[in-house]
């Protein structure tokens, strides 16, 4: 169970909140610890998304991700109204964009997409080696997917052939109804 180090809100009570662990950058981590009023880094220390501005996030995989340079704030109530207004404004933009029906802007974006994990970009990786390893793994998965699709297509065609053969034998009265039912795939 995660607990915010600033406002002490629990994840179990508020499942809609996202919790961020301490950053790896030592300077920014010190700033976080000062705000949390802690002296040393704790692996289980988290800060909820209520302490960050919308500008502290960037779009990633259909959901926002916290920027590396983001620093949490203490005063949530002061800016609550502006957050609500920005959410309402953003949702109105989404509604307008959805109703426009312009799909050309979506198709023009190029990302490395894995449905389960989301969209990956080179800047999401800390090291060039990690990016290259990811690309190799992605290519292997893509090849495996293509092979499985081909295998699936061949098996489907085989099943269709057998269905056709059973139907022909049934029409020529070479199979009884019971045998045809046993051979037919449900």
N, C-alpha and C. Protein backbone atom coordinates (compact mmCIF):
# COMPACT_ATOMS: atom_id res chain seq x y z
N UNK A 1 0.85 -1.17 0.00
CA UNK A 1 0.00 0.00 0.00
C UNK A 1 0.89 1.24 0.00
N UNK A 2 0.60 2.16 -0.91
CA UNK A 2 1.39 3.38 -1.02
C UNK A 2 0.71 4.52 -0.26
N UNK A 3 1.53 5.34 0.37
CA UNK A 3 1.03 6.50 1.12
C UNK A 3 1.83 7.71 0.66
N UNK A 4 1.13 8.80 0.40
CA UNK A 4 1.79 10.04 -0.03
C UNK A 4 2.61 10.59 1.13
N UNK A 5 3.87 10.94 0.86
CA UNK A 5 4.76 11.46 1.88
C UNK A 5 4.46 12.89 2.26
N UNK A 6 3.57 13.57 1.53
CA UNK A 6 3.25 14.97 1.83
C UNK A 6 1.91 15.08 2.54
N UNK A 7 0.85 14.56 1.92
CA UNK A 7 -0.49 14.72 2.49
C UNK A 7 -0.99 13.47 3.20
N UNK A 8 -0.20 12.40 3.22
CA UNK A 8 -0.50 11.14 3.91
C UNK A 8 -1.76 10.44 3.39
N UNK A 9 -2.13 10.70 2.16
CA UNK A 9 -3.28 10.03 1.54
C UNK A 9 -2.87 8.62 1.15
N UNK A 10 -3.77 7.65 1.32
CA UNK A 10 -3.46 6.25 1.02
C UNK A 10 -4.02 5.84 -0.34
N UNK A 11 -3.28 5.00 -1.03
CA UNK A 11 -3.72 4.53 -2.34
C UNK A 11 -4.97 3.66 -2.23
N UNK A 12 -5.09 2.88 -1.16
CA UNK A 12 -6.24 2.00 -0.99
C UNK A 12 -7.53 2.81 -0.86
N UNK A 13 -7.46 3.97 -0.24
CA UNK A 13 -8.64 4.81 -0.06
C UNK A 13 -8.95 5.59 -1.33
N UNK A 14 -7.92 5.99 -2.06
CA UNK A 14 -8.08 6.78 -3.28
C UNK A 14 -7.42 6.07 -4.46
N UNK A 15 -8.06 5.06 -5.03
CA UNK A 15 -7.43 4.31 -6.11
C UNK A 15 -7.27 5.11 -7.41
N UNK A 16 -7.98 6.23 -7.53
CA UNK A 16 -7.87 7.04 -8.74
C UNK A 16 -6.59 7.86 -8.78
N UNK A 17 -5.90 7.99 -7.65
CA UNK A 17 -4.66 8.75 -7.60
C UNK A 17 -3.50 7.90 -8.11
N UNK A 18 -2.50 8.58 -8.69
CA UNK A 18 -1.27 7.88 -9.05
C UNK A 18 -0.18 8.33 -8.09
N UNK A 19 0.71 7.41 -7.76
CA UNK A 19 1.77 7.69 -6.81
C UNK A 19 3.12 7.58 -7.51
N UNK A 20 3.98 8.57 -7.26
CA UNK A 20 5.29 8.63 -7.91
C UNK A 20 6.38 8.38 -6.87
N UNK A 21 7.33 7.51 -7.23
CA UNK A 21 8.47 7.26 -6.34
C UNK A 21 9.50 8.36 -6.51
N UNK A 22 10.47 8.39 -5.61
CA UNK A 22 11.50 9.43 -5.64
C UNK A 22 12.31 9.34 -6.92
N UNK A 23 12.70 10.50 -7.47
CA UNK A 23 13.48 10.49 -8.71
C UNK A 23 14.91 9.99 -8.48
N UNK A 24 15.55 9.56 -9.55
CA UNK A 24 16.92 9.06 -9.45
C UNK A 24 17.95 10.19 -9.38
N UNK A 25 17.62 11.32 -9.98
CA UNK A 25 18.51 12.48 -9.97
C UNK A 25 18.66 12.97 -8.52
N UNK A 26 19.89 13.01 -8.02
CA UNK A 26 20.13 13.32 -6.59
C UNK A 26 19.69 14.73 -6.22
N UNK A 27 19.89 15.72 -7.10
CA UNK A 27 19.49 17.10 -6.78
C UNK A 27 17.98 17.22 -6.64
N UNK A 28 17.27 16.64 -7.57
CA UNK A 28 15.80 16.71 -7.53
C UNK A 28 15.28 15.86 -6.37
N UNK A 29 15.93 14.74 -6.10
CA UNK A 29 15.53 13.90 -4.96
C UNK A 29 15.66 14.69 -3.65
N UNK A 30 16.72 15.49 -3.51
CA UNK A 30 16.89 16.31 -2.30
C UNK A 30 15.74 17.30 -2.16
N UNK A 31 15.33 17.91 -3.28
CA UNK A 31 14.21 18.85 -3.23
C UNK A 31 12.93 18.13 -2.79
N UNK A 32 12.71 16.94 -3.32
CA UNK A 32 11.53 16.16 -2.93
C UNK A 32 11.57 15.87 -1.43
N UNK A 33 12.74 15.43 -0.95
CA UNK A 33 12.87 15.08 0.47
C UNK A 33 12.65 16.29 1.37
N UNK A 34 13.11 17.48 0.93
CA UNK A 34 12.88 18.70 1.71
C UNK A 34 11.38 19.00 1.81
N UNK A 35 10.68 18.85 0.71
CA UNK A 35 9.23 19.10 0.70
C UNK A 35 8.51 18.07 1.57
N UNK A 36 9.00 16.83 1.53
CA UNK A 36 8.38 15.77 2.33
C UNK A 36 8.83 15.82 3.79
N UNK A 37 9.79 16.71 4.09
CA UNK A 37 10.35 16.85 5.45
C UNK A 37 10.98 15.55 5.93
N UNK A 38 11.74 14.93 5.03
CA UNK A 38 12.48 13.71 5.37
C UNK A 38 13.96 14.00 5.15
N UNK A 39 14.80 13.35 5.93
CA UNK A 39 16.23 13.61 5.83
C UNK A 39 16.94 12.67 4.88
N UNK A 40 16.51 11.44 4.82
CA UNK A 40 17.19 10.49 3.95
C UNK A 40 16.18 9.83 3.00
N UNK A 41 16.74 9.29 1.94
CA UNK A 41 15.92 8.66 0.90
C UNK A 41 15.36 7.33 1.39
N UNK A 42 14.08 7.12 1.15
CA UNK A 42 13.41 5.88 1.52
C UNK A 42 12.85 5.26 0.24
N UNK A 43 13.06 3.97 0.06
CA UNK A 43 12.57 3.31 -1.15
C UNK A 43 11.05 3.29 -1.22
N UNK A 44 10.40 3.33 -0.06
CA UNK A 44 8.95 3.26 -0.05
C UNK A 44 8.29 4.64 0.01
N UNK A 45 9.06 5.70 -0.23
CA UNK A 45 8.50 7.06 -0.20
C UNK A 45 7.85 7.37 -1.54
N UNK A 46 6.62 7.88 -1.48
CA UNK A 46 5.87 8.23 -2.68
C UNK A 46 5.22 9.59 -2.50
N UNK A 47 4.90 10.21 -3.65
CA UNK A 47 4.15 11.46 -3.66
C UNK A 47 2.99 11.28 -4.64
N UNK A 48 1.79 11.68 -4.21
CA UNK A 48 0.62 11.50 -5.09
C UNK A 48 0.57 12.59 -6.15
N UNK A 49 -0.22 12.35 -7.18
CA UNK A 49 -0.28 13.26 -8.32
C UNK A 49 -0.95 14.60 -7.99
N UNK A 50 -1.55 14.74 -6.82
CA UNK A 50 -2.18 16.00 -6.44
C UNK A 50 -1.16 17.11 -6.20
N UNK A 51 0.10 16.75 -6.03
CA UNK A 51 1.13 17.73 -5.71
C UNK A 51 1.93 18.19 -6.93
N UNK A 52 1.44 17.88 -8.12
CA UNK A 52 2.14 18.26 -9.34
C UNK A 52 1.23 19.07 -10.24
N UNK A 53 1.82 19.98 -10.98
CA UNK A 53 1.08 20.80 -11.94
C UNK A 53 0.90 20.00 -13.23
N UNK A 54 -0.08 20.36 -14.04
CA UNK A 54 -0.25 19.68 -15.33
C UNK A 54 0.99 19.81 -16.23
N UNK A 55 1.74 20.91 -16.06
CA UNK A 55 2.96 21.11 -16.87
C UNK A 55 4.07 20.14 -16.48
N UNK A 56 3.94 19.51 -15.30
CA UNK A 56 4.95 18.57 -14.84
C UNK A 56 4.84 17.21 -15.53
N UNK A 57 3.82 17.04 -16.35
CA UNK A 57 3.59 15.77 -17.03
C UNK A 57 3.80 15.92 -18.53
N UNK A 58 4.14 14.81 -19.16
CA UNK A 58 4.19 14.74 -20.62
C UNK A 58 3.38 13.54 -21.06
N UNK A 59 2.86 13.60 -22.28
CA UNK A 59 2.03 12.51 -22.78
C UNK A 59 2.88 11.29 -23.08
N UNK A 60 2.37 10.14 -22.66
CA UNK A 60 3.08 8.88 -22.87
C UNK A 60 2.08 7.75 -22.78
N UNK A 61 1.97 6.97 -23.84
CA UNK A 61 1.13 5.76 -23.83
C UNK A 61 -0.31 6.05 -23.42
N UNK A 62 -0.91 7.03 -23.97
CA UNK A 62 -2.30 7.38 -23.69
C UNK A 62 -2.53 7.81 -22.25
N UNK A 63 -1.47 8.10 -21.53
CA UNK A 63 -1.62 8.62 -20.18
C UNK A 63 -0.42 9.52 -19.89
N UNK A 64 -0.58 10.47 -18.99
CA UNK A 64 0.55 11.36 -18.69
C UNK A 64 1.61 10.66 -17.84
N UNK A 65 2.86 11.06 -18.06
CA UNK A 65 3.97 10.53 -17.26
C UNK A 65 4.73 11.73 -16.69
N UNK A 66 5.19 11.58 -15.47
CA UNK A 66 5.87 12.66 -14.77
C UNK A 66 7.24 12.93 -15.41
N UNK A 67 7.55 14.21 -15.63
CA UNK A 67 8.85 14.58 -16.18
C UNK A 67 9.93 14.38 -15.13
N UNK A 68 11.16 14.18 -15.60
CA UNK A 68 12.30 13.94 -14.70
C UNK A 68 12.60 15.15 -13.83
N UNK A 69 12.25 16.34 -14.30
CA UNK A 69 12.58 17.58 -13.59
C UNK A 69 11.46 18.05 -12.67
N UNK A 70 10.38 17.33 -12.58
CA UNK A 70 9.21 17.76 -11.79
C UNK A 70 9.51 17.72 -10.30
N UNK A 71 9.04 18.76 -9.61
CA UNK A 71 9.18 18.86 -8.16
C UNK A 71 7.78 19.05 -7.58
N UNK A 72 7.42 18.29 -6.55
CA UNK A 72 6.06 18.41 -5.98
C UNK A 72 5.86 19.74 -5.25
N UNK A 73 4.59 20.10 -5.05
CA UNK A 73 4.21 21.31 -4.32
C UNK A 73 3.48 20.91 -3.04
N UNK A 74 3.50 21.81 -2.08
CA UNK A 74 2.80 21.55 -0.82
C UNK A 74 1.35 21.99 -0.86
N UNK A 75 1.10 23.18 -1.39
CA UNK A 75 -0.24 23.78 -1.33
C UNK A 75 -1.12 23.28 -2.47
N UNK A 76 -1.91 22.28 -2.18
CA UNK A 76 -2.80 21.72 -3.20
C UNK A 76 -4.08 22.53 -3.28
N UNK A 77 -4.63 22.95 -2.15
CA UNK A 77 -5.93 23.61 -2.13
C UNK A 77 -5.92 24.92 -2.90
N UNK A 78 -4.80 25.67 -2.85
CA UNK A 78 -4.74 26.96 -3.53
C UNK A 78 -4.95 26.83 -5.03
N UNK A 79 -4.44 25.76 -5.58
CA UNK A 79 -4.51 25.60 -7.02
C UNK A 79 -5.54 24.58 -7.46
N UNK A 80 -6.39 24.15 -6.55
CA UNK A 80 -7.40 23.14 -6.88
C UNK A 80 -8.35 23.66 -7.95
N UNK A 81 -8.78 24.92 -7.83
CA UNK A 81 -9.72 25.47 -8.81
C UNK A 81 -9.12 25.53 -10.20
N UNK A 82 -7.84 25.93 -10.29
CA UNK A 82 -7.21 25.99 -11.60
C UNK A 82 -7.06 24.61 -12.21
N UNK A 83 -6.80 23.59 -11.37
CA UNK A 83 -6.70 22.22 -11.87
C UNK A 83 -8.03 21.75 -12.43
N UNK A 84 -9.11 22.05 -11.70
CA UNK A 84 -10.44 21.64 -12.15
C UNK A 84 -10.77 22.33 -13.46
N UNK A 85 -10.44 23.63 -13.56
CA UNK A 85 -10.70 24.36 -14.80
C UNK A 85 -9.90 23.77 -15.95
N UNK A 86 -8.63 23.44 -15.71
CA UNK A 86 -7.81 22.89 -16.79
C UNK A 86 -8.32 21.52 -17.22
N UNK A 87 -8.80 20.72 -16.26
CA UNK A 87 -9.35 19.41 -16.61
C UNK A 87 -10.60 19.58 -17.45
N UNK A 88 -11.48 20.52 -17.04
CA UNK A 88 -12.69 20.76 -17.82
C UNK A 88 -12.33 21.24 -19.22
N UNK A 89 -11.34 22.15 -19.31
CA UNK A 89 -10.92 22.67 -20.61
C UNK A 89 -10.35 21.55 -21.47
N UNK A 90 -9.49 20.70 -20.88
CA UNK A 90 -8.90 19.58 -21.62
C UNK A 90 -9.96 18.61 -22.09
N UNK A 91 -10.95 18.32 -21.24
CA UNK A 91 -11.99 17.37 -21.64
C UNK A 91 -12.83 17.95 -22.76
N UNK A 92 -13.05 19.27 -22.75
CA UNK A 92 -13.80 19.90 -23.85
C UNK A 92 -12.99 19.80 -25.14
N UNK A 93 -11.66 19.97 -25.06
CA UNK A 93 -10.82 19.83 -26.25
C UNK A 93 -10.90 18.42 -26.80
N UNK A 94 -10.87 17.43 -25.91
CA UNK A 94 -10.96 16.03 -26.34
C UNK A 94 -12.29 15.79 -27.04
N UNK A 95 -13.37 16.31 -26.47
CA UNK A 95 -14.68 16.14 -27.08
C UNK A 95 -14.71 16.79 -28.45
N UNK A 96 -14.13 18.00 -28.57
CA UNK A 96 -14.10 18.67 -29.87
C UNK A 96 -13.26 17.88 -30.87
N UNK A 97 -12.11 17.39 -30.44
CA UNK A 97 -11.25 16.61 -31.33
C UNK A 97 -11.92 15.32 -31.77
N UNK A 98 -12.61 14.65 -30.85
CA UNK A 98 -13.29 13.41 -31.20
C UNK A 98 -14.41 13.65 -32.19
N UNK A 99 -15.10 14.77 -32.04
CA UNK A 99 -16.24 15.03 -32.92
C UNK A 99 -15.80 15.53 -34.29
N UNK A 100 -14.56 16.03 -34.41
CA UNK A 100 -14.12 16.55 -35.70
C UNK A 100 -13.91 15.44 -36.72
N UNK A 101 -13.52 14.25 -36.28
CA UNK A 101 -13.36 13.12 -37.18
C UNK A 101 -12.11 13.19 -38.03
N UNK A 102 -11.16 14.05 -37.69
CA UNK A 102 -9.92 14.17 -38.45
C UNK A 102 -8.93 13.13 -37.98
N UNK A 103 -8.74 12.08 -38.78
CA UNK A 103 -7.86 10.99 -38.39
C UNK A 103 -6.47 11.12 -38.97
N UNK A 104 -6.24 12.13 -39.83
CA UNK A 104 -4.94 12.26 -40.47
C UNK A 104 -3.86 12.65 -39.46
N UNK A 105 -4.21 13.44 -38.44
CA UNK A 105 -3.22 13.84 -37.44
C UNK A 105 -2.77 12.66 -36.60
N UNK A 106 -3.67 11.72 -36.33
CA UNK A 106 -3.33 10.54 -35.54
C UNK A 106 -2.42 9.62 -36.34
N UNK A 107 -2.70 9.47 -37.61
CA UNK A 107 -1.93 8.56 -38.45
C UNK A 107 -0.52 9.07 -38.71
N UNK A 108 -0.30 10.40 -38.60
CA UNK A 108 1.01 10.95 -38.92
C UNK A 108 2.05 10.71 -37.82
N UNK A 109 1.63 10.38 -36.60
CA UNK A 109 2.56 10.14 -35.51
C UNK A 109 3.23 8.79 -35.67
N UNK A 110 4.55 8.75 -35.45
CA UNK A 110 5.28 7.49 -35.54
C UNK A 110 5.88 7.17 -34.19
N UNK A 111 5.47 6.06 -33.63
CA UNK A 111 5.97 5.60 -32.34
C UNK A 111 6.17 4.10 -32.42
N UNK A 112 6.91 3.60 -31.49
CA UNK A 112 7.07 2.17 -31.33
C UNK A 112 5.98 1.73 -30.37
N UNK A 113 4.97 1.01 -30.86
CA UNK A 113 3.78 0.73 -30.05
C UNK A 113 3.66 -0.74 -29.70
N UNK A 114 3.55 -1.02 -28.42
CA UNK A 114 3.21 -2.35 -27.93
C UNK A 114 1.91 -2.17 -27.17
N UNK A 115 0.85 -2.85 -27.61
CA UNK A 115 -0.46 -2.60 -27.02
C UNK A 115 -0.48 -2.76 -25.51
N UNK A 116 0.21 -3.75 -25.01
CA UNK A 116 0.18 -4.01 -23.58
C UNK A 116 0.93 -2.94 -22.79
N UNK A 117 2.02 -2.43 -23.36
CA UNK A 117 2.87 -1.52 -22.62
C UNK A 117 2.74 -0.07 -23.04
N UNK A 118 2.25 0.20 -24.23
CA UNK A 118 2.06 1.56 -24.67
C UNK A 118 3.04 1.97 -25.74
N UNK A 119 3.26 3.27 -25.84
CA UNK A 119 4.10 3.85 -26.88
C UNK A 119 5.47 4.17 -26.28
N UNK A 120 6.51 3.79 -27.00
CA UNK A 120 7.87 4.04 -26.52
C UNK A 120 8.59 4.96 -27.50
N UNK A 121 9.35 5.89 -26.95
CA UNK A 121 10.18 6.78 -27.75
C UNK A 121 11.61 6.69 -27.24
N UNK A 122 12.54 7.12 -28.06
CA UNK A 122 13.95 7.01 -27.70
C UNK A 122 14.27 7.79 -26.42
N UNK A 123 13.62 8.94 -26.25
CA UNK A 123 13.91 9.75 -25.06
C UNK A 123 13.38 9.14 -23.76
N UNK A 124 12.59 8.08 -23.86
CA UNK A 124 12.10 7.39 -22.67
C UNK A 124 13.17 6.48 -22.06
N UNK A 125 14.25 6.26 -22.78
CA UNK A 125 15.31 5.38 -22.30
C UNK A 125 16.52 6.21 -21.87
N UNK A 126 17.15 5.82 -20.77
CA UNK A 126 18.29 6.56 -20.24
C UNK A 126 19.56 6.33 -21.04
N UNK A 127 19.68 5.18 -21.66
CA UNK A 127 20.93 4.77 -22.27
C UNK A 127 20.68 4.30 -23.70
N UNK A 128 21.63 4.56 -24.57
CA UNK A 128 21.53 4.13 -25.97
C UNK A 128 21.49 2.60 -26.07
N UNK A 129 22.25 1.93 -25.19
CA UNK A 129 22.27 0.46 -25.20
C UNK A 129 20.88 -0.10 -24.89
N UNK A 130 20.21 0.50 -23.90
CA UNK A 130 18.87 0.04 -23.54
C UNK A 130 17.90 0.23 -24.69
N UNK A 131 18.00 1.36 -25.38
CA UNK A 131 17.13 1.62 -26.54
C UNK A 131 17.38 0.58 -27.63
N UNK A 132 18.65 0.30 -27.91
CA UNK A 132 18.98 -0.69 -28.95
C UNK A 132 18.50 -2.08 -28.55
N UNK A 133 18.67 -2.43 -27.27
CA UNK A 133 18.19 -3.73 -26.80
C UNK A 133 16.67 -3.82 -26.93
N UNK A 134 16.00 -2.71 -26.62
CA UNK A 134 14.54 -2.67 -26.76
C UNK A 134 14.14 -2.86 -28.22
N UNK A 135 14.85 -2.18 -29.14
CA UNK A 135 14.52 -2.31 -30.56
C UNK A 135 14.70 -3.75 -31.05
N UNK A 136 15.77 -4.40 -30.60
CA UNK A 136 16.01 -5.80 -30.99
C UNK A 136 14.88 -6.68 -30.45
N UNK A 137 14.53 -6.49 -29.18
CA UNK A 137 13.46 -7.29 -28.58
C UNK A 137 12.13 -7.02 -29.28
N UNK A 138 11.88 -5.76 -29.62
CA UNK A 138 10.64 -5.40 -30.31
C UNK A 138 10.58 -6.07 -31.68
N UNK A 139 11.70 -6.05 -32.39
CA UNK A 139 11.74 -6.68 -33.72
C UNK A 139 11.51 -8.18 -33.62
N UNK A 140 12.10 -8.81 -32.61
CA UNK A 140 11.88 -10.25 -32.40
C UNK A 140 10.41 -10.54 -32.12
N UNK A 141 9.80 -9.71 -31.28
CA UNK A 141 8.38 -9.90 -30.98
C UNK A 141 7.52 -9.69 -32.23
N UNK A 142 7.90 -8.71 -33.04
CA UNK A 142 7.15 -8.45 -34.27
C UNK A 142 7.24 -9.64 -35.21
N UNK A 143 8.46 -10.20 -35.35
CA UNK A 143 8.64 -11.38 -36.21
C UNK A 143 7.83 -12.56 -35.69
N UNK A 144 7.87 -12.76 -34.37
CA UNK A 144 7.11 -13.86 -33.77
C UNK A 144 5.61 -13.68 -34.02
N UNK A 145 5.16 -12.45 -33.93
CA UNK A 145 3.74 -12.16 -34.17
C UNK A 145 3.38 -12.49 -35.61
N UNK A 146 4.23 -12.10 -36.55
CA UNK A 146 3.97 -12.38 -37.97
C UNK A 146 3.92 -13.88 -38.21
N UNK A 147 4.86 -14.62 -37.62
CA UNK A 147 4.87 -16.08 -37.78
C UNK A 147 3.61 -16.71 -37.20
N UNK A 148 3.19 -16.25 -36.04
CA UNK A 148 1.98 -16.79 -35.42
C UNK A 148 0.74 -16.45 -36.25
N UNK A 149 0.72 -15.25 -36.84
CA UNK A 149 -0.42 -14.89 -37.70
C UNK A 149 -0.47 -15.80 -38.93
N UNK A 150 0.70 -16.08 -39.51
CA UNK A 150 0.74 -16.99 -40.67
C UNK A 150 0.27 -18.38 -40.29
N UNK A 151 0.76 -18.87 -39.16
CA UNK A 151 0.37 -20.20 -38.69
C UNK A 151 -1.13 -20.25 -38.43
N UNK A 152 -1.66 -19.22 -37.82
CA UNK A 152 -3.09 -19.14 -37.55
C UNK A 152 -3.89 -19.14 -38.85
N UNK A 153 -3.40 -18.41 -39.84
CA UNK A 153 -4.10 -18.36 -41.14
C UNK A 153 -4.09 -19.74 -41.80
N UNK A 154 -2.94 -20.42 -41.77
CA UNK A 154 -2.87 -21.76 -42.36
C UNK A 154 -3.82 -22.73 -41.66
N UNK A 155 -3.85 -22.69 -40.33
CA UNK A 155 -4.75 -23.57 -39.59
C UNK A 155 -6.21 -23.25 -39.89
N UNK A 156 -6.53 -21.98 -40.01
CA UNK A 156 -7.90 -21.59 -40.33
C UNK A 156 -8.30 -22.11 -41.71
N UNK A 157 -7.38 -21.96 -42.68
CA UNK A 157 -7.67 -22.47 -44.03
C UNK A 157 -7.84 -23.98 -44.03
N UNK A 158 -7.04 -24.68 -43.23
CA UNK A 158 -7.16 -26.13 -43.12
C UNK A 158 -8.53 -26.52 -42.56
N UNK A 159 -8.97 -25.83 -41.53
CA UNK A 159 -10.28 -26.10 -40.94
C UNK A 159 -11.38 -25.85 -41.96
N UNK A 160 -11.24 -24.77 -42.74
CA UNK A 160 -12.25 -24.47 -43.76
C UNK A 160 -12.30 -25.56 -44.82
N UNK A 161 -11.13 -26.09 -45.20
CA UNK A 161 -11.09 -27.20 -46.17
C UNK A 161 -11.83 -28.42 -45.63
N UNK A 162 -11.54 -28.77 -44.37
CA UNK A 162 -12.20 -29.94 -43.77
C UNK A 162 -13.70 -29.73 -43.67
N UNK A 163 -14.13 -28.54 -43.35
CA UNK A 163 -15.57 -28.25 -43.31
C UNK A 163 -16.19 -28.45 -44.68
N UNK A 164 -15.48 -27.97 -45.70
CA UNK A 164 -15.98 -28.10 -47.07
C UNK A 164 -16.06 -29.57 -47.48
N UNK A 165 -15.04 -30.36 -47.11
CA UNK A 165 -15.03 -31.80 -47.42
C UNK A 165 -16.20 -32.49 -46.73
N UNK A 166 -16.43 -32.17 -45.46
CA UNK A 166 -17.54 -32.78 -44.72
C UNK A 166 -18.87 -32.43 -45.38
N UNK A 167 -19.03 -31.18 -45.81
CA UNK A 167 -20.27 -30.76 -46.49
C UNK A 167 -20.46 -31.53 -47.80
N UNK A 168 -19.38 -31.67 -48.58
CA UNK A 168 -19.49 -32.41 -49.84
C UNK A 168 -19.87 -33.87 -49.60
N UNK A 169 -19.22 -34.51 -48.63
CA UNK A 169 -19.54 -35.90 -48.32
C UNK A 169 -20.98 -36.04 -47.83
N UNK A 170 -21.44 -35.06 -47.10
CA UNK A 170 -22.82 -35.07 -46.60
C UNK A 170 -23.81 -34.94 -47.76
N UNK A 171 -23.49 -34.06 -48.72
CA UNK A 171 -24.37 -33.86 -49.88
C UNK A 171 -24.44 -35.12 -50.75
N UNK A 172 -23.33 -35.84 -50.84
CA UNK A 172 -23.29 -37.06 -51.66
C UNK A 172 -23.79 -38.27 -50.90
N UNK A 173 -24.30 -38.04 -49.69
CA UNK A 173 -24.82 -39.10 -48.82
C UNK A 173 -23.77 -40.18 -48.51
N UNK A 174 -22.53 -39.77 -48.39
CA UNK A 174 -21.48 -40.69 -48.01
C UNK A 174 -21.24 -40.67 -46.50
N UNK A 175 -21.85 -39.70 -45.82
CA UNK A 175 -21.75 -39.59 -44.36
C UNK A 175 -23.16 -39.55 -43.77
N UNK A 176 -23.31 -40.19 -42.64
CA UNK A 176 -24.58 -40.08 -41.93
C UNK A 176 -24.58 -38.77 -41.15
N UNK A 177 -25.74 -38.37 -40.73
CA UNK A 177 -25.87 -37.12 -39.98
C UNK A 177 -25.07 -37.13 -38.70
N UNK A 178 -25.05 -38.28 -38.02
CA UNK A 178 -24.33 -38.39 -36.75
C UNK A 178 -22.82 -38.23 -36.96
N UNK A 179 -22.29 -38.89 -37.99
CA UNK A 179 -20.85 -38.79 -38.28
C UNK A 179 -20.50 -37.37 -38.73
N UNK A 180 -21.37 -36.77 -39.54
CA UNK A 180 -21.13 -35.39 -40.00
C UNK A 180 -21.10 -34.43 -38.81
N UNK A 181 -22.00 -34.64 -37.85
CA UNK A 181 -22.01 -33.80 -36.65
C UNK A 181 -20.73 -33.98 -35.85
N UNK A 182 -20.24 -35.21 -35.77
CA UNK A 182 -19.01 -35.47 -35.02
C UNK A 182 -17.80 -34.82 -35.70
N UNK A 183 -17.80 -34.80 -37.03
CA UNK A 183 -16.68 -34.22 -37.76
C UNK A 183 -16.75 -32.70 -37.86
N UNK A 184 -17.94 -32.16 -37.74
CA UNK A 184 -18.07 -30.71 -37.87
C UNK A 184 -17.50 -30.04 -36.62
N UNK A 185 -16.91 -28.89 -36.85
CA UNK A 185 -16.27 -28.15 -35.76
C UNK A 185 -17.26 -27.13 -35.21
N UNK A 186 -17.35 -27.13 -33.91
CA UNK A 186 -18.33 -26.22 -33.28
C UNK A 186 -17.66 -24.99 -32.79
